[in-house]
PDB file of N, CA and C in Angstrom:
ATOM      1  N   MET A   1      22.908 -46.266  24.020  1.00  0.00           N
ATOM      2  CA  MET A   1      21.773 -45.494  24.642  1.00  0.00           C
ATOM      3  C   MET A   1      22.526 -44.066  23.691  1.00  0.00           C
ATOM      4  N   LYS A   2      24.047 -43.747  23.559  1.00  0.00           N
ATOM      5  CA  LYS A   2      23.982 -42.918  23.307  1.00  0.00           C
ATOM      6  C   LYS A   2      24.058 -42.798  21.705  1.00  0.00           C
ATOM      7  N   LYS A   3      23.905 -43.647  21.568  1.00  0.00           N
ATOM      8  CA  LYS A   3      24.488 -43.735  20.016  1.00  0.00           C
ATOM      9  C   LYS A   3      22.555 -44.010  19.131  1.00  0.00           C
ATOM     10  N   SER A   4      21.966 -44.306  19.966  1.00  0.00           N
ATOM     11  CA  SER A   4      20.329 -44.153  19.899  1.00  0.00           C
ATOM     12  C   SER A   4      19.967 -42.314  20.333  1.00  0.00           C
ATOM     13  N   LEU A   5      20.333 -41.526  20.729  1.00  0.00           N
ATOM     14  CA  LEU A   5      20.557 -40.706  21.042  1.00  0.00           C
ATOM     15  C   LEU A   5      21.301 -39.517  20.186  1.00  0.00           C
ATOM     16  N   PHE A   6      22.457 -40.054  19.539  1.00  0.00           N
ATOM     17  CA  PHE A   6      22.926 -39.584  18.339  1.00  0.00           C
ATOM     18  C   PHE A   6      22.199 -39.299  17.228  1.00  0.00           C
ATOM     19  N   ILE A   7      21.889 -40.655  16.722  1.00  0.00           N
ATOM     20  CA  ILE A   7      20.771 -41.106  15.597  1.00  0.00           C
ATOM     21  C   ILE A   7      19.388 -39.916  15.806  1.00  0.00           C
ATOM     22  N   MET A   8      18.805 -39.762  17.033  1.00  0.00           N
ATOM     23  CA  MET A   8      17.277 -39.436  16.551  1.00  0.00           C
ATOM     24  C   MET A   8      18.323 -37.647  16.762  1.00  0.00           C
ATOM     25  N   ALA A   9      18.877 -37.517  17.570  1.00  0.00           N
ATOM     26  CA  ALA A   9      19.320 -35.902  17.324  1.00  0.00           C
ATOM     27  C   ALA A   9      19.741 -35.479  15.731  1.00  0.00           C
ATOM     28  N   LEU A  10      20.650 -36.563  15.036  1.00  0.00           N
ATOM     29  CA  LEU A  10      20.566 -36.134  13.867  1.00  0.00           C
ATOM     30  C   LEU A  10      19.571 -36.532  13.101  1.00  0.00           C
ATOM     31  N   PHE A  11      18.676 -37.230  12.963  1.00  0.00           N
ATOM     32  CA  PHE A  11      17.408 -37.191  12.413  1.00  0.00           C
ATOM     33  C   PHE A  11      16.576 -35.711  12.654  1.00  0.00           C
ATOM     34  N   VAL A  12      16.367 -35.333  13.716  1.00  0.00           N
ATOM     35  CA  VAL A  12      15.353 -33.944  14.137  1.00  0.00           C
ATOM     36  C   VAL A  12      16.517 -32.790  13.298  1.00  0.00           C
ATOM     37  N   CYS A  13      17.420 -33.110  13.444  1.00  0.00           N
ATOM     38  CA  CYS A  13      18.192 -31.745  12.653  1.00  0.00           C
ATOM     39  C   CYS A  13      17.958 -31.773  10.759  1.00  0.00           C
ATOM     40  N   PHE A  14      18.253 -33.067  10.228  1.00  0.00           N
ATOM     41  CA  PHE A  14      18.060 -33.408   9.369  1.00  0.00           C
ATOM     42  C   PHE A  14      16.183 -32.915   8.872  1.00  0.00           C
ATOM     43  N   LEU A  15      15.563 -33.126   9.957  1.00  0.00           N
ATOM     44  CA  LEU A  15      14.366 -32.714   9.194  1.00  0.00           C
ATOM     45  C   LEU A  15      14.423 -31.229   9.137  1.00  0.00           C
ATOM     46  N   SER A  16      14.696 -30.430   9.979  1.00  0.00           N
ATOM     47  CA  SER A  16      14.571 -29.191  10.343  1.00  0.00           C
ATOM     48  C   SER A  16      15.441 -28.158   9.538  1.00  0.00           C
ATOM     49  N   THR A  17      15.823 -29.251   8.462  1.00  0.00           N
ATOM     50  CA  THR A  17      17.440 -27.993   7.448  1.00  0.00           C
ATOM     51  C   THR A  17      16.047 -27.850   6.568  1.00  0.00           C
ATOM     52  N   PRO A  18      16.150 -26.597   6.224  1.00  0.00           N
ATOM     53  CA  PRO A  18      15.400 -26.230   4.843  1.00  0.00           C
ATOM     54  C   PRO A  18      15.568 -26.895   3.680  1.00  0.00           C
ATOM     55  N   ALA A  19      14.395 -26.575   2.674  1.00  0.00           N
ATOM     56  CA  ALA A  19      14.648 -27.748   1.392  1.00  0.00           C
ATOM     57  C   ALA A  19      16.067 -26.683   0.616  1.00  0.00           C
ATOM     58  N   LEU A  20      16.754 -27.490  -0.488  1.00  0.00           N
ATOM     59  CA  LEU A  20      17.724 -27.163  -0.659  1.00  0.00           C
ATOM     60  C   LEU A  20      17.057 -26.842  -2.375  1.00  0.00           C
ATOM     61  N   ALA A  21      16.350 -27.403  -2.627  1.00  0.00           N
ATOM     62  CA  ALA A  21      15.627 -26.894  -3.847  1.00  0.00           C
ATOM     63  C   ALA A  21      15.217 -25.495  -4.035  1.00  0.00           C
ATOM     64  N   ARG A  22      14.796 -25.002  -5.343  1.00  0.00           N
ATOM     65  CA  ARG A  22      14.254 -23.735  -5.548  1.00  0.00           C
ATOM     66  C   ARG A  22      13.198 -23.655  -6.778  1.00  0.00           C
ATOM     67  N   PHE A  23      11.736 -23.206  -6.590  1.00  0.00           N
ATOM     68  CA  PHE A  23      10.878 -23.367  -7.598  1.00  0.00           C
ATOM     69  C   PHE A  23      11.700 -23.256  -8.546  1.00  0.00           C
ATOM     70  N   THR A  24      11.425 -23.249 -10.156  1.00  0.00           N
ATOM     71  CA  THR A  24      11.292 -22.396 -11.108  1.00  0.00           C
ATOM     72  C   THR A  24      10.151 -22.295 -12.094  1.00  0.00           C
ATOM     73  N   GLY A  25       8.996 -22.239 -11.319  1.00  0.00           N
ATOM     74  CA  GLY A  25       7.813 -22.568 -12.459  1.00  0.00           C
ATOM     75  C   GLY A  25       7.550 -20.636 -12.026  1.00  0.00           C
ATOM     76  N   PRO A  26       6.310 -20.286 -12.818  1.00  0.00           N
ATOM     77  CA  PRO A  26       5.737 -19.260 -12.392  1.00  0.00           C
ATOM     78  C   PRO A  26       5.360 -18.783 -11.084  1.00  0.00           C
ATOM     79  N   SER A  27       5.348 -17.104 -10.594  1.00  0.00           N
ATOM     80  CA  SER A  27       4.747 -17.461  -9.057  1.00  0.00           C
ATOM     81  C   SER A  27       3.554 -16.909  -9.262  1.00  0.00           C
ATOM     82  N   VAL A  28       2.806 -16.931  -8.100  1.00  0.00           N
ATOM     83  CA  VAL A  28       1.309 -16.049  -8.108  1.00  0.00           C
ATOM     84  C   VAL A  28       2.077 -14.733  -7.863  1.00  0.00           C
ATOM     85  N   GLY A  29       1.211 -13.800  -8.479  1.00  0.00           N
ATOM     86  CA  GLY A  29       0.963 -12.505  -8.561  1.00  0.00           C
ATOM     87  C   GLY A  29      -0.072 -11.923  -8.151  1.00  0.00           C
ATOM     88  N   GLY A  30      -0.405 -10.518  -7.994  1.00  0.00           N
ATOM     89  CA  GLY A  30      -1.674  -9.892  -8.037  1.00  0.00           C
ATOM     90  C   GLY A  30      -1.871  -9.866  -9.524  1.00  0.00           C
ATOM     91  N   PRO A  31      -3.313  -9.812  -8.832  1.00  0.00           N
ATOM     92  CA  PRO A  31      -4.036  -9.811 -10.491  1.00  0.00           C
ATOM     93  C   PRO A  31      -3.710  -8.957 -11.329  1.00  0.00           C
ATOM     94  N   THR A  32      -4.072  -9.113 -12.477  1.00  0.00           N
ATOM     95  CA  THR A  32      -3.760  -8.498 -14.002  1.00  0.00           C
ATOM     96  C   THR A  32      -4.645  -7.706 -14.032  1.00  0.00           C
ATOM     97  N   GLN A  33      -3.661  -6.498 -14.107  1.00  0.00           N
ATOM     98  CA  GLN A  33      -4.875  -4.889 -13.834  1.00  0.00           C
ATOM     99  C   GLN A  33      -4.356  -4.238 -15.088  1.00  0.00           C
ATOM    100  N   THR A  34      -4.642  -3.133 -14.849  1.00  0.00           N
ATOM    101  CA  THR A  34      -4.767  -2.126 -16.210  1.00  0.00           C
ATOM    102  C   THR A  34      -4.343  -0.683 -14.959  1.00  0.00           C
ATOM    103  N   VAL A  35      -3.635  -0.130 -15.877  1.00  0.00           N
ATOM    104  CA  VAL A  35      -2.772   1.260 -15.340  1.00  0.00           C
ATOM    105  C   VAL A  35      -4.175   2.040 -15.244  1.00  0.00           C
ATOM    106  N   ALA A  36      -4.994   2.137 -14.916  1.00  0.00           N
ATOM    107  CA  ALA A  36      -6.241   3.094 -14.707  1.00  0.00           C
ATOM    108  C   ALA A  36      -6.500   2.355 -13.534  1.00  0.00           C
ATOM    109  N   GLN A  37      -6.393   1.095 -13.516  1.00  0.00           N
ATOM    110  CA  GLN A  37      -6.779   0.137 -12.086  1.00  0.00           C
ATOM    111  C   GLN A  37      -6.044   0.865 -11.165  1.00  0.00           C
ATOM    112  N   ALA A  38      -4.605   0.414 -11.576  1.00  0.00           N
ATOM    113  CA  ALA A  38      -3.580   0.787 -10.438  1.00  0.00           C
ATOM    114  C   ALA A  38      -3.546   2.389  -9.933  1.00  0.00           C
ATOM    115  N   GLN A  39      -3.832   3.138 -10.764  1.00  0.00           N
ATOM    116  CA  GLN A  39      -3.803   4.529 -10.069  1.00  0.00           C
ATOM    117  C   GLN A  39      -5.167   4.372  -9.164  1.00  0.00           C
ATOM    118  N   ASN A  40      -5.981   3.731  -8.364  1.00  0.00           N
ATOM    119  CA  ASN A  40      -6.596   3.763  -7.838  1.00  0.00           C
ATOM    120  C   ASN A  40      -6.613   2.516  -6.373  1.00  0.00           C
ATOM    121  N   VAL A  41      -5.398   1.801  -6.595  1.00  0.00           N
ATOM    122  CA  VAL A  41      -5.952   0.778  -5.444  1.00  0.00           C
ATOM    123  C   VAL A  41      -4.886   1.328  -4.157  1.00  0.00           C
ATOM    124  N   ARG A  42      -4.590   0.627  -3.638  1.00  0.00           N
ATOM    125  CA  ARG A  42      -3.824   1.091  -2.361  1.00  0.00           C
ATOM    126  C   ARG A  42      -2.460   0.620  -2.549  1.00  0.00           C
ATOM    127  N   THR A  43      -1.523   1.865  -2.372  1.00  0.00           N
ATOM    128  CA  THR A  43      -0.206   1.872  -1.457  1.00  0.00           C
ATOM    129  C   THR A  43       0.079   0.228  -1.194  1.00  0.00           C
ATOM    130  N   GLY A  44       0.733  -0.493  -1.486  1.00  0.00           N
ATOM    131  CA  GLY A  44       1.416  -1.427  -1.082  1.00  0.00           C
ATOM    132  C   GLY A  44       1.128  -2.701  -1.965  1.00  0.00           C
ATOM    133  N   THR A  45       0.011  -2.362  -2.755  1.00  0.00           N
ATOM    134  CA  THR A  45      -0.715  -3.649  -3.775  1.00  0.00           C
ATOM    135  C   THR A  45       0.278  -3.914  -4.779  1.00  0.00           C
ATOM    136  N   TYR A  46       0.505  -5.586  -4.612  1.00  0.00           N
ATOM    137  CA  TYR A  46       1.155  -6.006  -5.629  1.00  0.00           C
ATOM    138  C   TYR A  46       0.289  -6.656  -6.959  1.00  0.00           C
ATOM    139  N   ILE A  47       0.646  -5.918  -8.074  1.00  0.00           N
ATOM    140  CA  ILE A  47      -0.315  -6.179  -9.649  1.00  0.00           C
ATOM    141  C   ILE A  47       0.286  -6.448 -10.726  1.00  0.00           C
ATOM    142  N   SER A  48       0.010  -6.861 -11.443  1.00  0.00           N
ATOM    143  CA  SER A  48       0.574  -7.113 -12.967  1.00  0.00           C
ATOM    144  C   SER A  48       0.077  -6.454 -14.023  1.00  0.00           C
ATOM    145  N   LEU A  49       0.576  -5.619 -14.898  1.00  0.00           N
ATOM    146  CA  LEU A  49       0.446  -4.883 -15.945  1.00  0.00           C
ATOM    147  C   LEU A  49       1.242  -5.600 -17.563  1.00  0.00           C
ATOM    148  N   THR A  50       0.182  -5.191 -18.248  1.00  0.00           N
ATOM    149  CA  THR A  50       0.944  -6.017 -19.722  1.00  0.00           C
ATOM    150  C   THR A  50       0.612  -4.472 -20.908  1.00  0.00           C
ATOM    151  N   GLY A  51       1.906  -4.078 -21.110  1.00  0.00           N
ATOM    152  CA  GLY A  51       1.659  -2.822 -22.395  1.00  0.00           C
ATOM    153  C   GLY A  51       3.105  -3.206 -22.818  1.00  0.00           C
ATOM    154  N   ASN A  52       3.760  -1.583 -22.833  1.00  0.00           N
ATOM    155  CA  ASN A  52       4.783  -1.365 -23.496  1.00  0.00           C
ATOM    156  C   ASN A  52       5.079  -0.083 -22.409  1.00  0.00           C
ATOM    157  N   ILE A  53       7.043  -0.372 -22.191  1.00  0.00           N
ATOM    158  CA  ILE A  53       7.238   1.012 -21.795  1.00  0.00           C
ATOM    159  C   ILE A  53       7.937   1.830 -22.708  1.00  0.00           C
ATOM    160  N   ILE A  54       7.392   3.224 -22.733  1.00  0.00           N
ATOM    161  CA  ILE A  54       7.324   3.829 -23.939  1.00  0.00           C
ATOM    162  C   ILE A  54       8.972   4.818 -23.974  1.00  0.00           C
ATOM    163  N   GLU A  55       9.438   4.644 -22.955  1.00  0.00           N
ATOM    164  CA  GLU A  55      10.602   6.295 -22.617  1.00  0.00           C
ATOM    165  C   GLU A  55      11.064   5.850 -21.508  1.00  0.00           C
ATOM    166  N   HIS A  56      12.291   6.375 -21.796  1.00  0.00           N
ATOM    167  CA  HIS A  56      13.240   6.456 -20.182  1.00  0.00           C
ATOM    168  C   HIS A  56      13.001   7.534 -19.369  1.00  0.00           C
ATOM    169  N   LEU A  57      12.752   7.724 -18.682  1.00  0.00           N
ATOM    170  CA  LEU A  57      13.011   9.508 -18.019  1.00  0.00           C
ATOM    171  C   LEU A  57      14.130   9.109 -17.092  1.00  0.00           C
ATOM    172  N   ARG A  58      14.557   8.625 -16.597  1.00  0.00           N
ATOM    173  CA  ARG A  58      15.949   8.624 -15.859  1.00  0.00           C
ATOM    174  C   ARG A  58      16.256   8.078 -14.975  1.00  0.00           C
ATOM    175  N   GLU A  59      17.487   7.610 -14.891  1.00  0.00           N
ATOM    176  CA  GLU A  59      18.273   6.511 -13.817  1.00  0.00           C
ATOM    177  C   GLU A  59      17.547   5.097 -14.321  1.00  0.00           C
ATOM    178  N   ASN A  60      16.928   4.665 -13.043  1.00  0.00           N
ATOM    179  CA  ASN A  60      15.700   3.849 -13.275  1.00  0.00           C
ATOM    180  C   ASN A  60      14.134   3.944 -13.581  1.00  0.00           C
ATOM    181  N   TYR A  61      14.172   4.956 -13.925  1.00  0.00           N
ATOM    182  CA  TYR A  61      12.450   5.410 -13.818  1.00  0.00           C
ATOM    183  C   TYR A  61      11.935   4.948 -15.493  1.00  0.00           C
ATOM    184  N   PHE A  62      11.207   4.673 -15.668  1.00  0.00           N
ATOM    185  CA  PHE A  62      10.441   4.684 -17.715  1.00  0.00           C
ATOM    186  C   PHE A  62       9.025   5.101 -17.185  1.00  0.00           C
ATOM    187  N   THR A  63       8.404   5.402 -18.222  1.00  0.00           N
ATOM    188  CA  THR A  63       6.798   5.342 -18.459  1.00  0.00           C
ATOM    189  C   THR A  63       6.370   4.169 -19.225  1.00  0.00           C
ATOM    190  N   PHE A  64       5.166   3.110 -18.427  1.00  0.00           N
ATOM    191  CA  PHE A  64       4.613   2.522 -18.980  1.00  0.00           C
ATOM    192  C   PHE A  64       3.525   2.452 -19.369  1.00  0.00           C
ATOM    193  N   ARG A  65       3.047   2.126 -20.817  1.00  0.00           N
ATOM    194  CA  ARG A  65       1.530   2.398 -21.001  1.00  0.00           C
ATOM    195  C   ARG A  65       0.853   0.636 -21.671  1.00  0.00           C
ATOM    196  N   ASP A  66      -0.566   0.921 -21.617  1.00  0.00           N
ATOM    197  CA  ASP A  66      -1.309   0.046 -21.396  1.00  0.00           C
ATOM    198  C   ASP A  66      -2.113   0.872 -22.408  1.00  0.00           C
ATOM    199  N   ALA A  67      -3.838  -0.045 -22.781  1.00  0.00           N
ATOM    200  CA  ALA A  67      -4.345   0.393 -23.778  1.00  0.00           C
ATOM    201  C   ALA A  67      -5.591   1.803 -22.265  1.00  0.00           C
ATOM    202  N   THR A  68      -5.209   1.671 -21.304  1.00  0.00           N
ATOM    203  CA  THR A  68      -6.037   2.186 -20.784  1.00  0.00           C
ATOM    204  C   THR A  68      -5.165   4.154 -19.911  1.00  0.00           C
ATOM    205  N   GLY A  69      -3.521   3.845 -20.225  1.00  0.00           N
ATOM    206  CA  GLY A  69      -3.127   5.149 -19.748  1.00  0.00           C
ATOM    207  C   GLY A  69      -1.635   4.860 -19.425  1.00  0.00           C
ATOM    208  N   SER A  70      -0.904   5.631 -19.089  1.00  0.00           N
ATOM    209  CA  SER A  70       0.693   5.145 -18.558  1.00  0.00           C
ATOM    210  C   SER A  70       0.819   5.962 -17.357  1.00  0.00           C
ATOM    211  N   ILE A  71       1.691   5.141 -16.883  1.00  0.00           N
ATOM    212  CA  ILE A  71       2.212   5.389 -15.108  1.00  0.00           C
ATOM    213  C   ILE A  71       3.716   5.254 -15.146  1.00  0.00           C
ATOM    214  N   ARG A  72       4.646   6.207 -14.472  1.00  0.00           N
ATOM    215  CA  ARG A  72       5.871   6.113 -14.116  1.00  0.00           C
ATOM    216  C   ARG A  72       6.446   4.483 -13.177  1.00  0.00           C
ATOM    217  N   VAL A  73       7.500   3.855 -13.735  1.00  0.00           N
ATOM    218  CA  VAL A  73       7.701   2.537 -13.294  1.00  0.00           C
ATOM    219  C   VAL A  73       9.320   2.694 -12.675  1.00  0.00           C
ATOM    220  N   GLU A  74       9.767   2.124 -11.670  1.00  0.00           N
ATOM    221  CA  GLU A  74      11.002   2.042 -11.577  1.00  0.00           C
ATOM    222  C   GLU A  74      11.482   0.657 -11.909  1.00  0.00           C
ATOM    223  N   ILE A  75      12.300   0.257 -12.766  1.00  0.00           N
ATOM    224  CA  ILE A  75      13.093  -1.213 -12.774  1.00  0.00           C
ATOM    225  C   ILE A  75      14.523  -1.222 -12.723  1.00  0.00           C
ATOM    226  N   GLU A  76      15.008  -1.987 -11.299  1.00  0.00           N
ATOM    227  CA  GLU A  76      16.445  -2.008 -11.158  1.00  0.00           C
ATOM    228  C   GLU A  76      17.196  -3.005 -12.367  1.00  0.00           C
ATOM    229  N   ASN A  77      18.263  -2.568 -12.309  1.00  0.00           N
ATOM    230  CA  ASN A  77      19.300  -3.618 -13.284  1.00  0.00           C
ATOM    231  C   ASN A  77      18.776  -5.034 -12.857  1.00  0.00           C
ATOM    232  N   ASP A  78      18.977  -5.671 -12.107  1.00  0.00           N
ATOM    233  CA  ASP A  78      18.716  -7.066 -11.899  1.00  0.00           C
ATOM    234  C   ASP A  78      17.625  -7.276 -12.203  1.00  0.00           C
ATOM    235  N   VAL A  79      16.744  -6.780 -12.435  1.00  0.00           N
ATOM    236  CA  VAL A  79      15.082  -7.363 -13.065  1.00  0.00           C
ATOM    237  C   VAL A  79      15.305  -7.075 -14.462  1.00  0.00           C
ATOM    238  N   TRP A  80      16.397  -6.386 -15.726  1.00  0.00           N
ATOM    239  CA  TRP A  80      15.982  -6.485 -16.956  1.00  0.00           C
ATOM    240  C   TRP A  80      16.769  -7.630 -17.113  1.00  0.00           C
ATOM    241  N   GLN A  81      17.695  -8.683 -16.515  1.00  0.00           N
ATOM    242  CA  GLN A  81      18.291  -9.291 -16.535  1.00  0.00           C
ATOM    243  C   GLN A  81      18.908  -9.407 -17.603  1.00  0.00           C
ATOM    244  N   GLY A  82      19.467  -8.340 -18.486  1.00  0.00           N
ATOM    245  CA  GLY A  82      19.950  -8.311 -19.349  1.00  0.00           C
ATOM    246  C   GLY A  82      19.554  -8.128 -20.775  1.00  0.00           C
ATOM    247  N   ARG A  83      18.079  -8.171 -20.652  1.00  0.00           N
ATOM    248  CA  ARG A  83      17.378  -7.392 -22.065  1.00  0.00           C
ATOM    249  C   ARG A  83      16.887  -6.898 -22.667  1.00  0.00           C
ATOM    250  N   ASP A  84      16.831  -6.290 -23.690  1.00  0.00           N
ATOM    251  CA  ASP A  84      16.907  -5.346 -24.548  1.00  0.00           C
ATOM    252  C   ASP A  84      15.094  -5.207 -24.682  1.00  0.00           C
ATOM    253  N   VAL A  85      14.597  -3.994 -24.608  1.00  0.00           N
ATOM    254  CA  VAL A  85      13.272  -4.003 -24.528  1.00  0.00           C
ATOM    255  C   VAL A  85      12.940  -3.168 -25.332  1.00  0.00           C
ATOM    256  N   SER A  86      11.654  -2.923 -27.262  1.00  0.00           N
ATOM    257  CA  SER A  86      12.150  -1.486 -27.192  1.00  0.00           C
ATOM    258  C   SER A  86      10.478  -1.256 -26.990  1.00  0.00           C
ATOM    259  N   PRO A  87      10.251   0.061 -27.377  1.00  0.00           N
ATOM    260  CA  PRO A  87       8.882   0.599 -27.207  1.00  0.00           C
ATOM    261  C   PRO A  87       7.475  -0.799 -28.012  1.00  0.00           C
ATOM    262  N   GLN A  88       7.947  -1.378 -28.882  1.00  0.00           N
ATOM    263  CA  GLN A  88       7.311  -1.975 -29.532  1.00  0.00           C
ATOM    264  C   GLN A  88       7.001  -3.510 -29.175  1.00  0.00           C
ATOM    265  N   GLN A  89       7.887  -3.625 -28.174  1.00  0.00           N
ATOM    266  CA  GLN A  89       7.517  -5.054 -27.587  1.00  0.00           C
ATOM    267  C   GLN A  89       6.607  -5.052 -26.459  1.00  0.00           C
ATOM    268  N   ARG A  90       5.635  -6.013 -26.413  1.00  0.00           N
ATOM    269  CA  ARG A  90       4.448  -5.872 -25.261  1.00  0.00           C
ATOM    270  C   ARG A  90       5.086  -6.410 -24.434  1.00  0.00           C
ATOM    271  N   ILE A  91       4.984  -6.625 -22.778  1.00  0.00           N
ATOM    272  CA  ILE A  91       5.424  -7.242 -21.633  1.00  0.00           C
ATOM    273  C   ILE A  91       4.610  -7.103 -20.636  1.00  0.00           C
ATOM    274  N   THR A  92       4.680  -7.799 -19.980  1.00  0.00           N
ATOM    275  CA  THR A  92       4.349  -8.074 -18.485  1.00  0.00           C
ATOM    276  C   THR A  92       4.683  -7.631 -17.272  1.00  0.00           C
ATOM    277  N   ILE A  93       4.280  -6.552 -16.676  1.00  0.00           N
ATOM    278  CA  ILE A  93       5.158  -6.423 -15.593  1.00  0.00           C
ATOM    279  C   ILE A  93       4.381  -6.526 -13.713  1.00  0.00           C
ATOM    280  N   PHE A  94       5.153  -7.252 -13.134  1.00  0.00           N
ATOM    281  CA  PHE A  94       4.579  -7.432 -11.709  1.00  0.00           C
ATOM    282  C   PHE A  94       5.483  -6.383 -10.619  1.00  0.00           C
ATOM    283  N   GLY A  95       4.733  -6.169 -10.125  1.00  0.00           N
ATOM    284  CA  GLY A  95       5.298  -4.871  -8.870  1.00  0.00           C
ATOM    285  C   GLY A  95       4.255  -4.488  -7.783  1.00  0.00           C
ATOM    286  N   GLU A  96       4.886  -3.607  -6.530  1.00  0.00           N
ATOM    287  CA  GLU A  96       3.946  -2.624  -6.013  1.00  0.00           C
ATOM    288  C   GLU A  96       3.711  -1.401  -6.211  1.00  0.00           C
ATOM    289  N   VAL A  97       2.826  -1.072  -5.696  1.00  0.00           N
ATOM    290  CA  VAL A  97       1.773   0.215  -5.993  1.00  0.00           C
ATOM    291  C   VAL A  97       2.845   1.209  -5.174  1.00  0.00           C
ATOM    292  N   ASP A  98       3.161   1.822  -5.324  1.00  0.00           N
ATOM    293  CA  ASP A  98       4.254   3.124  -4.081  1.00  0.00           C
ATOM    294  C   ASP A  98       4.276   4.317  -4.661  1.00  0.00           C
ATOM    295  N   THR A  99       4.127   5.013  -3.733  1.00  0.00           N
ATOM    296  CA  THR A  99       3.844   6.774  -3.986  1.00  0.00           C
ATOM    297  C   THR A  99       5.413   7.458  -3.692  1.00  0.00           C
ATOM    298  N   ASP A 100       5.706   8.560  -4.195  1.00  0.00           N
ATOM    299  CA  ASP A 100       6.818   9.539  -3.529  1.00  0.00           C
ATOM    300  C   ASP A 100       6.571  10.567  -3.779  1.00  0.00           C
ATOM    301  N   ARG A 101       7.435  11.470  -3.413  1.00  0.00           N
ATOM    302  CA  ARG A 101       6.759  13.813  -3.961  1.00  0.00           C
ATOM    303  C   ARG A 101       7.036  13.591  -5.378  1.00  0.00           C
ATOM    304  N   ARG A 102       6.888  12.595  -6.627  1.00  0.00           N
ATOM    305  CA  ARG A 102       6.274  12.594  -8.095  1.00  0.00           C
ATOM    306  C   ARG A 102       5.309  12.039  -8.161  1.00  0.00           C
ATOM    307  N   GLY A 103       4.869  11.510  -7.120  1.00  0.00           N
ATOM    308  CA  GLY A 103       3.390  10.624  -7.407  1.00  0.00           C
ATOM    309  C   GLY A 103       3.431   9.271  -7.223  1.00  0.00           C
ATOM    310  N   ARG A 104       2.633   8.446  -7.795  1.00  0.00           N
ATOM    311  CA  ARG A 104       2.168   7.180  -8.040  1.00  0.00           C
ATOM    312  C   ARG A 104       3.434   6.421  -9.063  1.00  0.00           C
ATOM    313  N   TYR A 105       4.026   5.504  -8.376  1.00  0.00           N
ATOM    314  CA  TYR A 105       4.352   4.622  -9.522  1.00  0.00           C
ATOM    315  C   TYR A 105       4.307   3.087  -9.140  1.00  0.00           C
ATOM    316  N   ILE A 106       5.007   2.435 -10.193  1.00  0.00           N
ATOM    317  CA  ILE A 106       5.011   0.641 -10.078  1.00  0.00           C
ATOM    318  C   ILE A 106       6.627   0.111  -9.490  1.00  0.00           C
ATOM    319  N   TRP A 107       7.078  -0.116  -8.464  1.00  0.00           N
ATOM    320  CA  TRP A 107       8.180  -0.815  -8.419  1.00  0.00           C
ATOM    321  C   TRP A 107       8.016  -2.249  -8.453  1.00  0.00           C
ATOM    322  N   VAL A 108       8.618  -2.145  -9.824  1.00  0.00           N
ATOM    323  CA  VAL A 108       8.364  -3.673 -10.984  1.00  0.00           C
ATOM    324  C   VAL A 108       9.922  -5.231  -9.793  1.00  0.00           C
ATOM    325  N   LYS A 109       8.867  -5.643  -9.714  1.00  0.00           N
ATOM    326  CA  LYS A 109       9.905  -6.448  -9.206  1.00  0.00           C
ATOM    327  C   LYS A 109      10.145  -7.794 -10.172  1.00  0.00           C
ATOM    328  N   SER A 110       9.636  -8.106 -11.768  1.00  0.00           N
ATOM    329  CA  SER A 110       9.463  -8.850 -12.317  1.00  0.00           C
ATOM    330  C   SER A 110       8.819  -8.390 -13.583  1.00  0.00           C
ATOM    331  N   LEU A 111       9.814  -8.705 -14.351  1.00  0.00           N
ATOM    332  CA  LEU A 111       9.395  -8.250 -16.121  1.00  0.00           C
ATOM    333  C   LEU A 111       9.411  -9.427 -17.035  1.00  0.00           C
ATOM    334  N   THR A 112       8.639  -9.889 -17.527  1.00  0.00           N
ATOM    335  CA  THR A 112       8.466 -10.493 -18.998  1.00  0.00           C
ATOM    336  C   THR A 112       8.466  -9.749 -19.797  1.00  0.00           C
ATOM    337  N   VAL A 113       8.862 -10.657 -21.209  1.00  0.00           N
ATOM    338  CA  VAL A 113       8.592 -10.383 -22.353  1.00  0.00           C
ATOM    339  C   VAL A 113       7.775 -11.387 -23.028  1.00  0.00           C
ATOM    340  N   SER A 114       6.735 -10.400 -23.593  1.00  0.00           N
ATOM    341  CA  SER A 114       5.976 -11.095 -24.530  1.00  0.00           C
ATOM    342  C   SER A 114       6.461 -11.910 -25.915  1.00  0.00           C
ATOM    343  N   LYS A 115       5.834 -12.906 -25.906  1.00  0.00           N
ATOM    344  CA  LYS A 115       6.221 -13.629 -27.314  1.00  0.00           C
ATOM    345  C   LYS A 115       5.580 -13.248 -28.735  1.00  0.00           C
TER     346      LYS A 115
END
């Protein structure tokens, strides 16, 4: 009887343990949009933008531009993942639309360099 209870308890613990593997494929992001559209969406909306980083403003802030305009983006060091990106390289960013006292910006969660 004790052995059966022990095996059942062990089985229940095994089923309740989260998976140890991690997904390595692409993540579902917000819809791909333009800078012009990003200016009009609700704060907190997640979006993807494709374009170029054209200048460094200060600290983790940069200017991002696509065919419809430009917007300030915040890209923290861990998002860069050691990559160098020039103004000529096309990138896709995924992030959250946010605002502060300087206005609207995108808080970038991931960055992919286009090939």
